[in-house]
């Protein structure tokens, strides 16, 4: 049994290296220019998303499951985009939930509120009312939601979407330089397999430094 597991692990690793070696710029990924700084010693994967985006809603359960399989040298982050003024309230919602350690509980619920319950979260008042209905203390949430820290992170997310060349969501970026293609032809599973290959590529490049 142990021998079979070892052989399976080796086979999987070889296939991953083979896939990463065959990756082609412009087909499998676009380069972020200039390359963005990431945490030293880690391979960063960022999902640019919005609660307002139906594609992000469909992708989120699959992505969340995949996230749990990542190796210890991979760090996963989400960055909410603000393509329209109406999207800013939900970007602030994400950072407020993060600050209050409520993402595990309410991140999926925010998607459901918009895409299945027809809740209006396009303004601050709507977001605060929803959070209170979900059991959060109104004053604590309001103070966090309107805090300088949350506003700063929201401003930073707008800067990041420009620096990373994000023009659609969901979009994934690996190691600050490999961005998933704008018009990726495959499905969700294929996209995550591609990201797995980009992680292998980034890891090999780190080893050459």
N, C-alpha and C. Protein backbone atom coordinates (compact mmCIF):
# COMPACT_ATOMS: atom_id res chain seq x y z
N UNK A 1 0.83 -1.21 0.00
CA UNK A 1 0.00 0.00 0.00
C UNK A 1 0.87 1.26 0.00
N UNK A 2 1.91 1.28 0.87
CA UNK A 2 2.79 2.44 0.96
C UNK A 2 3.53 2.65 -0.36
N UNK A 3 3.98 1.51 -0.95
CA UNK A 3 4.70 1.60 -2.22
C UNK A 3 3.80 2.18 -3.30
N UNK A 4 2.53 1.80 -3.32
CA UNK A 4 1.59 2.31 -4.32
C UNK A 4 1.38 3.81 -4.15
N UNK A 5 1.30 4.24 -2.89
CA UNK A 5 1.11 5.66 -2.63
C UNK A 5 2.32 6.47 -3.08
N UNK A 6 3.50 5.94 -2.83
CA UNK A 6 4.73 6.62 -3.25
C UNK A 6 4.79 6.73 -4.77
N UNK A 7 4.46 5.62 -5.45
CA UNK A 7 4.47 5.63 -6.92
C UNK A 7 3.45 6.62 -7.47
N UNK A 8 2.28 6.68 -6.83
CA UNK A 8 1.24 7.62 -7.26
C UNK A 8 1.71 9.05 -7.08
N UNK A 9 2.37 9.33 -5.95
CA UNK A 9 2.86 10.68 -5.68
C UNK A 9 3.93 11.09 -6.69
N UNK A 10 4.83 10.14 -7.00
CA UNK A 10 5.88 10.42 -7.98
C UNK A 10 5.28 10.66 -9.36
N UNK A 11 4.33 9.82 -9.73
CA UNK A 11 3.67 9.98 -11.04
C UNK A 11 2.97 11.33 -11.15
N UNK A 12 2.26 11.70 -10.09
CA UNK A 12 1.55 12.98 -10.08
C UNK A 12 2.53 14.13 -10.21
N UNK A 13 3.65 14.05 -9.49
CA UNK A 13 4.66 15.10 -9.54
C UNK A 13 5.27 15.22 -10.94
N UNK A 14 5.58 14.07 -11.56
CA UNK A 14 6.15 14.08 -12.90
C UNK A 14 5.18 14.67 -13.91
N UNK A 15 3.91 14.32 -13.78
CA UNK A 15 2.90 14.87 -14.69
C UNK A 15 2.78 16.38 -14.52
N UNK A 16 2.85 16.84 -13.27
CA UNK A 16 2.76 18.28 -13.01
C UNK A 16 3.95 19.02 -13.61
N UNK A 17 5.15 18.45 -13.45
CA UNK A 17 6.34 19.09 -14.03
C UNK A 17 6.25 19.11 -15.56
N UNK A 18 5.74 18.03 -16.14
CA UNK A 18 5.58 17.96 -17.59
C UNK A 18 4.61 19.02 -18.08
N UNK A 19 3.49 19.17 -17.36
CA UNK A 19 2.48 20.17 -17.74
C UNK A 19 3.04 21.57 -17.63
N UNK A 20 3.80 21.84 -16.55
CA UNK A 20 4.34 23.18 -16.37
C UNK A 20 5.38 23.51 -17.44
N UNK A 21 6.11 22.48 -17.88
CA UNK A 21 7.13 22.70 -18.91
C UNK A 21 6.51 23.05 -20.26
N UNK A 22 5.26 22.62 -20.47
CA UNK A 22 4.61 22.85 -21.76
C UNK A 22 3.75 24.11 -21.78
N UNK A 23 3.72 24.84 -20.69
CA UNK A 23 2.91 26.07 -20.63
C UNK A 23 3.45 27.10 -21.61
N UNK A 24 2.51 27.81 -22.23
CA UNK A 24 2.90 28.79 -23.25
C UNK A 24 2.26 30.14 -22.94
N UNK A 25 3.11 31.17 -22.92
CA UNK A 25 2.61 32.53 -22.70
C UNK A 25 1.66 32.93 -23.83
N UNK A 26 0.57 33.58 -23.47
CA UNK A 26 -0.41 34.01 -24.45
C UNK A 26 -1.49 32.98 -24.71
N UNK A 27 -1.20 31.74 -24.35
CA UNK A 27 -2.20 30.68 -24.48
C UNK A 27 -2.66 30.20 -23.10
N UNK A 28 -1.68 29.87 -22.26
CA UNK A 28 -1.99 29.33 -20.93
C UNK A 28 -1.94 30.39 -19.84
N UNK A 29 -1.24 31.46 -20.09
CA UNK A 29 -1.15 32.54 -19.11
C UNK A 29 -0.72 33.82 -19.80
N UNK A 30 -0.99 34.93 -19.14
CA UNK A 30 -0.47 36.24 -19.55
C UNK A 30 0.48 36.71 -18.48
N UNK A 31 1.51 37.43 -18.87
CA UNK A 31 2.47 37.93 -17.90
C UNK A 31 2.00 39.25 -17.31
N UNK A 32 2.12 39.37 -16.00
CA UNK A 32 1.85 40.64 -15.33
C UNK A 32 3.09 41.52 -15.51
N UNK A 33 2.89 42.72 -15.98
CA UNK A 33 4.01 43.61 -16.27
C UNK A 33 3.76 45.00 -15.68
N UNK A 34 4.60 45.41 -14.70
CA UNK A 34 5.74 44.68 -14.15
C UNK A 34 5.30 43.61 -13.16
N UNK A 35 6.20 42.66 -12.91
CA UNK A 35 5.94 41.62 -11.93
C UNK A 35 5.73 42.26 -10.56
N UNK A 36 4.75 41.76 -9.82
CA UNK A 36 4.42 42.32 -8.51
C UNK A 36 5.12 41.56 -7.39
N UNK A 37 5.50 42.29 -6.36
CA UNK A 37 6.20 41.69 -5.22
C UNK A 37 5.27 40.76 -4.46
N UNK A 38 5.81 39.65 -3.96
CA UNK A 38 5.04 38.69 -3.17
C UNK A 38 5.83 38.33 -1.92
N UNK A 39 5.19 37.59 -1.03
CA UNK A 39 5.83 37.19 0.21
C UNK A 39 7.03 36.28 -0.07
N UNK A 40 8.17 36.63 0.50
CA UNK A 40 9.40 35.88 0.25
C UNK A 40 9.26 34.45 0.75
N UNK A 41 9.69 33.51 -0.09
CA UNK A 41 9.66 32.10 0.29
C UNK A 41 8.32 31.43 0.10
N UNK A 42 7.33 32.18 -0.38
CA UNK A 42 6.00 31.63 -0.60
C UNK A 42 5.60 31.82 -2.06
N UNK A 43 4.75 30.93 -2.53
CA UNK A 43 4.15 31.08 -3.86
C UNK A 43 2.74 31.61 -3.65
N UNK A 44 2.51 32.82 -4.07
CA UNK A 44 1.23 33.47 -3.82
C UNK A 44 0.26 33.22 -4.97
N UNK A 45 -0.96 32.85 -4.60
CA UNK A 45 -2.05 32.74 -5.57
C UNK A 45 -3.14 33.72 -5.13
N UNK A 46 -3.49 34.63 -6.03
CA UNK A 46 -4.54 35.60 -5.74
C UNK A 46 -5.74 35.33 -6.64
N UNK A 47 -6.91 35.29 -6.02
CA UNK A 47 -8.14 35.30 -6.81
C UNK A 47 -8.70 36.73 -6.77
N UNK A 48 -8.79 37.35 -7.92
CA UNK A 48 -9.51 38.62 -8.05
C UNK A 48 -10.97 38.27 -8.32
N UNK A 49 -11.87 38.83 -7.52
CA UNK A 49 -13.27 38.42 -7.60
C UNK A 49 -14.16 39.58 -7.18
N UNK A 50 -15.46 39.38 -7.30
CA UNK A 50 -16.45 40.29 -6.71
C UNK A 50 -17.66 39.48 -6.29
N UNK A 51 -18.24 39.85 -5.17
CA UNK A 51 -19.49 39.23 -4.77
C UNK A 51 -20.59 39.50 -5.78
N UNK A 52 -20.46 40.57 -6.56
CA UNK A 52 -21.48 40.94 -7.54
C UNK A 52 -21.42 40.08 -8.79
N UNK A 53 -20.33 39.35 -8.97
CA UNK A 53 -20.08 38.60 -10.21
C UNK A 53 -20.71 37.20 -10.15
N UNK A 54 -21.64 36.86 -11.05
CA UNK A 54 -22.26 35.52 -11.02
C UNK A 54 -21.26 34.41 -11.31
N UNK A 55 -20.25 34.68 -12.14
CA UNK A 55 -19.24 33.66 -12.43
C UNK A 55 -18.40 33.36 -11.18
N UNK A 56 -18.11 34.40 -10.40
CA UNK A 56 -17.38 34.20 -9.14
C UNK A 56 -18.22 33.38 -8.16
N UNK A 57 -19.51 33.63 -8.17
CA UNK A 57 -20.43 32.87 -7.32
C UNK A 57 -20.38 31.39 -7.66
N UNK A 58 -20.44 31.05 -8.94
CA UNK A 58 -20.40 29.65 -9.36
C UNK A 58 -19.05 29.00 -9.08
N UNK A 59 -18.00 29.79 -9.18
CA UNK A 59 -16.64 29.29 -9.04
C UNK A 59 -16.25 29.07 -7.58
N UNK A 60 -16.84 29.84 -6.68
CA UNK A 60 -16.36 29.89 -5.30
C UNK A 60 -16.36 28.53 -4.59
N UNK A 61 -17.40 27.70 -4.67
CA UNK A 61 -17.36 26.40 -3.98
C UNK A 61 -16.23 25.50 -4.47
N UNK A 62 -16.00 25.51 -5.78
CA UNK A 62 -14.93 24.69 -6.36
C UNK A 62 -13.57 25.23 -5.92
N UNK A 63 -13.41 26.55 -5.95
CA UNK A 63 -12.16 27.17 -5.56
C UNK A 63 -11.87 26.93 -4.08
N UNK A 64 -12.88 27.03 -3.24
CA UNK A 64 -12.69 26.84 -1.81
C UNK A 64 -12.24 25.42 -1.50
N UNK A 65 -12.79 24.45 -2.21
CA UNK A 65 -12.39 23.05 -2.03
C UNK A 65 -10.94 22.85 -2.49
N UNK A 66 -10.58 23.44 -3.62
CA UNK A 66 -9.22 23.34 -4.15
C UNK A 66 -8.22 23.99 -3.22
N UNK A 67 -8.60 25.10 -2.64
CA UNK A 67 -7.72 25.85 -1.74
C UNK A 67 -7.20 24.98 -0.60
N UNK A 68 -8.04 24.05 -0.15
CA UNK A 68 -7.66 23.19 0.98
C UNK A 68 -6.60 22.16 0.60
N UNK A 69 -6.33 21.99 -0.70
CA UNK A 69 -5.35 21.01 -1.15
C UNK A 69 -3.96 21.61 -1.37
N UNK A 70 -3.83 22.91 -1.19
CA UNK A 70 -2.58 23.59 -1.53
C UNK A 70 -1.45 23.19 -0.58
N UNK A 71 -0.24 23.14 -1.15
CA UNK A 71 0.94 22.80 -0.35
C UNK A 71 1.26 23.94 0.62
N UNK A 72 2.11 23.63 1.60
CA UNK A 72 2.42 24.60 2.65
C UNK A 72 3.18 25.82 2.15
N UNK A 73 3.85 25.69 1.00
CA UNK A 73 4.60 26.84 0.49
C UNK A 73 3.74 27.75 -0.39
N UNK A 74 2.45 27.45 -0.47
CA UNK A 74 1.52 28.26 -1.28
C UNK A 74 0.59 29.05 -0.36
N UNK A 75 0.50 30.33 -0.59
CA UNK A 75 -0.41 31.17 0.19
C UNK A 75 -1.50 31.69 -0.75
N UNK A 76 -2.73 31.54 -0.32
CA UNK A 76 -3.88 31.93 -1.14
C UNK A 76 -4.53 33.18 -0.57
N UNK A 77 -4.82 34.15 -1.44
CA UNK A 77 -5.47 35.39 -1.03
C UNK A 77 -6.60 35.72 -2.01
N UNK A 78 -7.58 36.46 -1.50
CA UNK A 78 -8.63 37.00 -2.37
C UNK A 78 -8.52 38.52 -2.38
N UNK A 79 -8.77 39.11 -3.54
CA UNK A 79 -8.80 40.56 -3.66
C UNK A 79 -10.10 40.94 -4.36
N UNK A 80 -11.01 41.64 -3.68
CA UNK A 80 -12.26 42.07 -4.32
C UNK A 80 -12.02 43.25 -5.26
N UNK A 81 -12.55 43.15 -6.46
CA UNK A 81 -12.36 44.24 -7.44
C UNK A 81 -13.51 45.23 -7.36
N UNK A 82 -13.25 46.41 -7.89
CA UNK A 82 -14.28 47.46 -7.94
C UNK A 82 -14.31 48.00 -9.36
N UNK A 83 -15.00 47.28 -10.24
CA UNK A 83 -15.12 47.72 -11.62
C UNK A 83 -16.14 48.83 -11.78
N UNK A 84 -17.11 48.88 -10.87
CA UNK A 84 -18.16 49.89 -10.91
C UNK A 84 -18.33 50.47 -9.52
N UNK A 85 -18.80 51.72 -9.41
CA UNK A 85 -19.00 52.31 -8.08
C UNK A 85 -19.88 51.46 -7.18
N UNK A 86 -20.88 50.76 -7.78
CA UNK A 86 -21.81 49.95 -6.98
C UNK A 86 -21.13 48.72 -6.37
N UNK A 87 -19.94 48.38 -6.85
CA UNK A 87 -19.24 47.21 -6.34
C UNK A 87 -18.41 47.52 -5.10
N UNK A 88 -18.23 48.79 -4.78
CA UNK A 88 -17.34 49.16 -3.67
C UNK A 88 -17.89 48.68 -2.32
N UNK A 89 -19.21 48.73 -2.16
CA UNK A 89 -19.79 48.33 -0.88
C UNK A 89 -19.48 46.87 -0.56
N UNK A 90 -19.50 46.00 -1.57
CA UNK A 90 -19.22 44.59 -1.30
C UNK A 90 -17.72 44.34 -1.13
N UNK A 91 -16.88 45.18 -1.73
CA UNK A 91 -15.44 45.07 -1.47
C UNK A 91 -15.16 45.40 0.00
N UNK A 92 -15.81 46.45 0.49
CA UNK A 92 -15.68 46.82 1.91
C UNK A 92 -16.26 45.72 2.80
N UNK A 93 -17.34 45.10 2.34
CA UNK A 93 -17.92 43.99 3.09
C UNK A 93 -16.90 42.88 3.28
N UNK A 94 -16.20 42.51 2.22
CA UNK A 94 -15.21 41.45 2.32
C UNK A 94 -14.15 41.77 3.37
N UNK A 95 -13.62 42.99 3.32
CA UNK A 95 -12.56 43.35 4.25
C UNK A 95 -13.08 43.50 5.68
N UNK A 96 -14.32 43.92 5.84
CA UNK A 96 -14.92 44.02 7.17
C UNK A 96 -15.10 42.62 7.77
N UNK A 97 -15.59 41.68 6.97
CA UNK A 97 -15.74 40.30 7.45
C UNK A 97 -14.38 39.69 7.78
N UNK A 98 -13.39 40.00 6.97
CA UNK A 98 -12.04 39.51 7.23
C UNK A 98 -11.53 40.04 8.57
N UNK A 99 -11.71 41.34 8.80
CA UNK A 99 -11.24 41.95 10.04
C UNK A 99 -11.93 41.39 11.26
N UNK A 100 -13.18 40.96 11.10
CA UNK A 100 -13.97 40.44 12.22
C UNK A 100 -13.91 38.92 12.33
N UNK A 101 -13.05 38.29 11.48
CA UNK A 101 -12.92 36.82 11.47
C UNK A 101 -14.26 36.12 11.19
N UNK A 102 -15.03 36.70 10.28
CA UNK A 102 -16.35 36.14 9.95
C UNK A 102 -16.41 35.59 8.52
N UNK A 103 -15.28 35.54 7.83
CA UNK A 103 -15.30 35.10 6.44
C UNK A 103 -15.74 33.65 6.29
N UNK A 104 -15.25 32.77 7.15
CA UNK A 104 -15.61 31.35 7.04
C UNK A 104 -17.12 31.17 7.10
N UNK A 105 -17.77 31.97 7.93
CA UNK A 105 -19.20 31.85 8.13
C UNK A 105 -20.01 32.59 7.06
N UNK A 106 -19.56 33.80 6.68
CA UNK A 106 -20.42 34.67 5.88
C UNK A 106 -19.94 34.94 4.45
N UNK A 107 -18.76 34.46 4.09
CA UNK A 107 -18.30 34.64 2.70
C UNK A 107 -19.26 33.96 1.71
N UNK A 108 -19.60 32.68 1.90
CA UNK A 108 -20.57 32.06 0.98
C UNK A 108 -21.95 32.70 1.07
N UNK A 109 -22.31 33.15 2.27
CA UNK A 109 -23.63 33.76 2.45
C UNK A 109 -23.78 35.06 1.68
N UNK A 110 -22.67 35.79 1.52
CA UNK A 110 -22.73 37.05 0.76
C UNK A 110 -23.06 36.77 -0.71
N UNK A 111 -22.46 35.72 -1.26
CA UNK A 111 -22.80 35.33 -2.64
C UNK A 111 -24.28 34.95 -2.73
N UNK A 112 -24.73 34.15 -1.80
CA UNK A 112 -26.13 33.70 -1.81
C UNK A 112 -27.09 34.86 -1.69
N UNK A 113 -26.75 35.83 -0.86
CA UNK A 113 -27.63 36.99 -0.66
C UNK A 113 -27.89 37.71 -1.97
N UNK A 114 -26.86 37.86 -2.76
CA UNK A 114 -26.98 38.61 -4.01
C UNK A 114 -27.60 37.77 -5.12
N UNK A 115 -27.13 36.54 -5.28
CA UNK A 115 -27.47 35.76 -6.47
C UNK A 115 -28.63 34.79 -6.29
N UNK A 116 -29.05 34.55 -5.05
CA UNK A 116 -30.19 33.66 -4.85
C UNK A 116 -31.31 34.27 -4.01
N UNK A 117 -30.96 35.29 -3.22
CA UNK A 117 -31.96 35.90 -2.35
C UNK A 117 -32.35 37.30 -2.80
N UNK A 118 -31.72 37.78 -3.89
CA UNK A 118 -32.03 39.11 -4.45
C UNK A 118 -31.90 40.23 -3.42
N UNK A 119 -30.90 40.13 -2.56
CA UNK A 119 -30.64 41.17 -1.58
C UNK A 119 -29.80 42.28 -2.21
N UNK A 120 -30.17 43.51 -1.98
CA UNK A 120 -29.44 44.65 -2.54
C UNK A 120 -28.26 45.00 -1.64
N UNK A 121 -27.06 44.68 -2.11
CA UNK A 121 -25.84 45.01 -1.38
C UNK A 121 -24.99 46.01 -2.15
N UNK A 122 -25.64 46.87 -2.92
CA UNK A 122 -24.90 47.83 -3.74
C UNK A 122 -24.67 49.16 -3.05
N UNK A 123 -25.00 49.23 -1.75
CA UNK A 123 -24.74 50.46 -1.01
C UNK A 123 -24.43 50.09 0.44
N UNK A 124 -23.85 51.04 1.15
CA UNK A 124 -23.40 50.77 2.51
C UNK A 124 -24.54 50.37 3.43
N UNK A 125 -25.66 51.07 3.33
CA UNK A 125 -26.80 50.78 4.21
C UNK A 125 -27.31 49.36 4.01
N UNK A 126 -27.39 48.93 2.75
CA UNK A 126 -27.84 47.58 2.46
C UNK A 126 -26.91 46.52 3.03
N UNK A 127 -25.61 46.77 2.94
CA UNK A 127 -24.62 45.83 3.47
C UNK A 127 -24.74 45.74 4.99
N UNK A 128 -24.85 46.89 5.65
CA UNK A 128 -24.94 46.89 7.11
C UNK A 128 -26.21 46.19 7.58
N UNK A 129 -27.32 46.46 6.92
CA UNK A 129 -28.59 45.79 7.28
C UNK A 129 -28.48 44.29 7.13
N UNK A 130 -27.85 43.85 6.05
CA UNK A 130 -27.68 42.40 5.82
C UNK A 130 -26.80 41.78 6.90
N UNK A 131 -25.71 42.45 7.25
CA UNK A 131 -24.80 41.92 8.26
C UNK A 131 -25.51 41.77 9.61
N UNK A 132 -26.34 42.74 9.95
CA UNK A 132 -27.09 42.68 11.21
C UNK A 132 -28.06 41.50 11.19
N UNK A 133 -28.72 41.29 10.06
CA UNK A 133 -29.65 40.17 9.94
C UNK A 133 -28.92 38.83 10.06
N UNK A 134 -27.63 38.83 9.74
CA UNK A 134 -26.83 37.62 9.85
C UNK A 134 -26.26 37.43 11.26
N UNK A 135 -26.65 38.31 12.16
CA UNK A 135 -26.26 38.11 13.55
C UNK A 135 -25.10 38.94 14.04
N UNK A 136 -24.56 39.83 13.21
CA UNK A 136 -23.43 40.65 13.65
C UNK A 136 -23.94 41.88 14.41
N UNK A 137 -23.16 42.29 15.39
CA UNK A 137 -23.51 43.49 16.15
C UNK A 137 -23.44 44.72 15.25
N UNK A 138 -24.52 45.50 15.25
CA UNK A 138 -24.62 46.62 14.31
C UNK A 138 -23.50 47.63 14.51
N UNK A 139 -23.25 48.03 15.74
CA UNK A 139 -22.23 49.05 15.99
C UNK A 139 -20.84 48.53 15.64
N UNK A 140 -20.55 47.30 16.08
CA UNK A 140 -19.23 46.74 15.81
C UNK A 140 -19.00 46.60 14.31
N UNK A 141 -20.00 46.07 13.60
CA UNK A 141 -19.83 45.91 12.15
C UNK A 141 -19.73 47.26 11.46
N UNK A 142 -20.60 48.20 11.82
CA UNK A 142 -20.58 49.53 11.19
C UNK A 142 -19.24 50.22 11.41
N UNK A 143 -18.72 50.13 12.64
CA UNK A 143 -17.43 50.75 12.93
C UNK A 143 -16.32 50.12 12.11
N UNK A 144 -16.36 48.80 11.99
CA UNK A 144 -15.34 48.10 11.20
C UNK A 144 -15.49 48.42 9.72
N UNK A 145 -16.72 48.35 9.23
CA UNK A 145 -17.02 48.59 7.82
C UNK A 145 -16.58 49.99 7.38
N UNK A 146 -16.75 50.97 8.27
CA UNK A 146 -16.41 52.37 7.94
C UNK A 146 -15.03 52.78 8.43
N UNK A 147 -14.26 51.82 8.90
CA UNK A 147 -12.95 52.12 9.48
C UNK A 147 -11.93 52.53 8.41
N UNK A 148 -10.90 53.21 8.89
CA UNK A 148 -9.81 53.61 8.01
C UNK A 148 -9.12 52.39 7.41
N UNK A 149 -8.98 51.32 8.23
CA UNK A 149 -8.29 50.11 7.76
C UNK A 149 -9.03 49.47 6.60
N UNK A 150 -10.36 49.35 6.71
CA UNK A 150 -11.15 48.75 5.64
C UNK A 150 -11.14 49.64 4.40
N UNK A 151 -11.25 50.93 4.58
CA UNK A 151 -11.21 51.84 3.44
C UNK A 151 -9.86 51.78 2.75
N UNK A 152 -8.79 51.69 3.53
CA UNK A 152 -7.44 51.61 2.95
C UNK A 152 -7.26 50.34 2.14
N UNK A 153 -7.78 49.21 2.67
CA UNK A 153 -7.67 47.95 1.93
C UNK A 153 -8.49 47.99 0.65
N UNK A 154 -9.64 48.65 0.71
CA UNK A 154 -10.48 48.76 -0.49
C UNK A 154 -9.78 49.61 -1.55
N UNK A 155 -9.17 50.70 -1.11
CA UNK A 155 -8.39 51.53 -2.04
C UNK A 155 -7.22 50.72 -2.61
N UNK A 156 -6.59 49.94 -1.74
CA UNK A 156 -5.48 49.10 -2.20
C UNK A 156 -5.91 48.05 -3.21
N UNK A 157 -7.12 47.53 -3.05
CA UNK A 157 -7.61 46.52 -4.00
C UNK A 157 -7.82 47.15 -5.38
N UNK A 158 -8.26 48.40 -5.41
CA UNK A 158 -8.41 49.09 -6.69
C UNK A 158 -7.05 49.27 -7.36
N UNK A 159 -6.05 49.60 -6.57
CA UNK A 159 -4.70 49.76 -7.11
C UNK A 159 -4.16 48.44 -7.62
N UNK A 160 -4.43 47.36 -6.88
CA UNK A 160 -3.95 46.04 -7.29
C UNK A 160 -4.59 45.60 -8.61
N UNK A 161 -5.89 45.84 -8.77
CA UNK A 161 -6.53 45.38 -10.00
C UNK A 161 -5.94 46.09 -11.21
N UNK A 162 -5.47 47.33 -11.01
CA UNK A 162 -4.79 48.03 -12.10
C UNK A 162 -3.39 47.50 -12.31
N UNK A 163 -2.65 47.31 -11.22
CA UNK A 163 -1.26 46.85 -11.32
C UNK A 163 -1.16 45.45 -11.91
N UNK A 164 -2.15 44.60 -11.63
CA UNK A 164 -2.14 43.23 -12.14
C UNK A 164 -2.83 43.09 -13.49
N UNK A 165 -3.38 44.20 -14.01
CA UNK A 165 -4.03 44.16 -15.32
C UNK A 165 -5.32 43.37 -15.33
N UNK A 166 -6.11 43.50 -14.27
CA UNK A 166 -7.34 42.71 -14.15
C UNK A 166 -8.49 43.44 -14.85
N UNK A 167 -9.05 42.79 -15.87
CA UNK A 167 -10.17 43.39 -16.60
C UNK A 167 -11.40 42.50 -16.62
N UNK A 168 -11.37 41.42 -15.86
CA UNK A 168 -12.51 40.52 -15.74
C UNK A 168 -12.32 39.61 -14.54
N UNK A 169 -13.40 39.09 -14.03
CA UNK A 169 -13.32 38.18 -12.88
C UNK A 169 -14.26 37.00 -13.08
N UNK A 170 -13.96 35.84 -12.44
CA UNK A 170 -12.79 35.61 -11.59
C UNK A 170 -11.51 35.48 -12.40
N UNK A 171 -10.41 35.93 -11.82
CA UNK A 171 -9.11 35.81 -12.45
C UNK A 171 -8.09 35.45 -11.39
N UNK A 172 -7.19 34.54 -11.74
CA UNK A 172 -6.19 34.05 -10.79
C UNK A 172 -4.79 34.46 -11.24
N UNK A 173 -3.98 34.85 -10.27
CA UNK A 173 -2.60 35.24 -10.54
C UNK A 173 -1.68 34.43 -9.64
N UNK A 174 -0.62 33.87 -10.23
CA UNK A 174 0.34 33.05 -9.50
C UNK A 174 1.69 33.76 -9.45
N UNK A 175 2.24 33.84 -8.24
CA UNK A 175 3.59 34.36 -8.01
C UNK A 175 3.78 35.80 -8.47
N UNK A 176 2.70 36.55 -8.53
CA UNK A 176 2.80 37.95 -8.90
C UNK A 176 3.09 38.21 -10.36
N UNK A 177 3.08 37.13 -11.19
CA UNK A 177 3.44 37.35 -12.59
C UNK A 177 2.67 36.53 -13.62
N UNK A 178 2.08 35.41 -13.22
CA UNK A 178 1.35 34.58 -14.18
C UNK A 178 -0.15 34.76 -13.97
N UNK A 179 -0.79 35.43 -14.91
CA UNK A 179 -2.23 35.72 -14.82
C UNK A 179 -3.00 34.78 -15.72
N UNK A 180 -4.09 34.20 -15.21
CA UNK A 180 -4.90 33.31 -16.04
C UNK A 180 -5.42 34.07 -17.26
N UNK A 181 -5.55 33.39 -18.40
CA UNK A 181 -5.93 34.07 -19.65
C UNK A 181 -7.29 34.74 -19.56
N UNK A 182 -7.43 35.86 -20.28
CA UNK A 182 -8.70 36.60 -20.28
C UNK A 182 -9.85 35.73 -20.78
N UNK A 183 -9.59 34.95 -21.81
CA UNK A 183 -10.64 34.13 -22.42
C UNK A 183 -10.28 32.65 -22.32
N UNK A 184 -10.14 32.17 -21.08
CA UNK A 184 -9.77 30.77 -20.89
C UNK A 184 -10.87 29.87 -21.42
N UNK A 185 -10.55 28.92 -22.32
CA UNK A 185 -11.58 28.13 -22.98
C UNK A 185 -12.13 26.97 -22.16
N UNK A 186 -11.43 26.58 -21.09
CA UNK A 186 -11.86 25.42 -20.32
C UNK A 186 -12.82 25.76 -19.20
N UNK A 187 -13.18 24.73 -18.44
CA UNK A 187 -14.08 24.90 -17.31
C UNK A 187 -13.32 25.19 -16.03
N UNK A 188 -14.04 25.14 -14.90
CA UNK A 188 -13.45 25.47 -13.61
C UNK A 188 -12.34 24.50 -13.23
N UNK A 189 -12.57 23.22 -13.41
CA UNK A 189 -11.55 22.23 -13.05
C UNK A 189 -10.30 22.39 -13.90
N UNK A 190 -10.50 22.66 -15.19
CA UNK A 190 -9.36 22.84 -16.08
C UNK A 190 -8.55 24.08 -15.68
N UNK A 191 -9.25 25.13 -15.28
CA UNK A 191 -8.56 26.35 -14.85
C UNK A 191 -7.70 26.09 -13.63
N UNK A 192 -8.22 25.33 -12.69
CA UNK A 192 -7.45 25.05 -11.47
C UNK A 192 -6.29 24.10 -11.75
N UNK A 193 -6.44 23.21 -12.71
CA UNK A 193 -5.31 22.36 -13.12
C UNK A 193 -4.22 23.23 -13.73
N UNK A 194 -4.63 24.23 -14.51
CA UNK A 194 -3.67 25.16 -15.08
C UNK A 194 -2.94 25.91 -13.97
N UNK A 195 -3.67 26.38 -12.97
CA UNK A 195 -3.05 27.08 -11.85
C UNK A 195 -2.08 26.16 -11.11
N UNK A 196 -2.46 24.90 -10.94
CA UNK A 196 -1.54 23.93 -10.32
C UNK A 196 -0.23 23.86 -11.10
N UNK A 197 -0.32 23.86 -12.42
CA UNK A 197 0.88 23.80 -13.25
C UNK A 197 1.71 25.08 -13.12
N UNK A 198 1.03 26.21 -13.01
CA UNK A 198 1.73 27.48 -12.84
C UNK A 198 2.43 27.54 -11.48
N UNK A 199 1.83 26.92 -10.47
CA UNK A 199 2.46 26.83 -9.15
C UNK A 199 3.75 26.02 -9.25
N UNK A 200 3.69 24.90 -9.96
CA UNK A 200 4.89 24.07 -10.16
C UNK A 200 5.97 24.87 -10.89
N UNK A 201 5.56 25.62 -11.88
CA UNK A 201 6.51 26.45 -12.65
C UNK A 201 7.15 27.50 -11.75
N UNK A 202 6.34 28.16 -10.94
CA UNK A 202 6.86 29.18 -10.03
C UNK A 202 7.79 28.57 -8.99
N UNK A 203 7.45 27.38 -8.50
CA UNK A 203 8.29 26.70 -7.51
C UNK A 203 9.65 26.34 -8.11
N UNK A 204 9.65 25.86 -9.34
CA UNK A 204 10.91 25.52 -9.99
C UNK A 204 11.76 26.76 -10.21
N UNK A 205 11.14 27.86 -10.53
CA UNK A 205 11.88 29.10 -10.74
C UNK A 205 12.47 29.62 -9.43
N UNK A 206 11.75 29.44 -8.34
CA UNK A 206 12.30 29.83 -7.03
C UNK A 206 13.54 29.01 -6.70
N UNK A 207 13.53 27.74 -7.08
CA UNK A 207 14.66 26.87 -6.77
C UNK A 207 15.91 27.23 -7.54
N UNK A 208 15.74 27.96 -8.65
CA UNK A 208 16.90 28.35 -9.48
C UNK A 208 17.57 29.62 -8.97
N UNK A 209 16.92 30.32 -8.04
CA UNK A 209 17.46 31.60 -7.57
C UNK A 209 18.66 31.39 -6.64
